[in-house]
Amino acid sequence: MEEKKLKRKGSVGQTERGEMVLVNEQNEGFIVGEIAIVVWDLCEGRSEEEVIDEIISRTHVERERVEPVVTGLISKLKEVKLVE
């Protein structure tokens, strides 16, 4: 069975102090780091497994270290309605 493709929601912006922010469709903003922005961006049209594979490809870090971080980030992004 094919894994469900993720869909990005909301938008990315910056605070007046230059901090990166993800804003959901309810206009709630979340200050995030660069890795959260990258993962959020990669979520469009990819499965969770494909996002993990892409991060591994870009960083050359072992799956054992990448998978729990990316899975946790995607879970949190879903929780705050930035990914479905």
Foldseek 3Di string as FASTA:
>chain_A
DDADQKAFAADWDADPVGFIWGAGPVRDIDGDDPVLVLLSVVRHGHGLVVSLVVVCVVPVDDSVVRVVVSVVSVVVCVVVHRMD
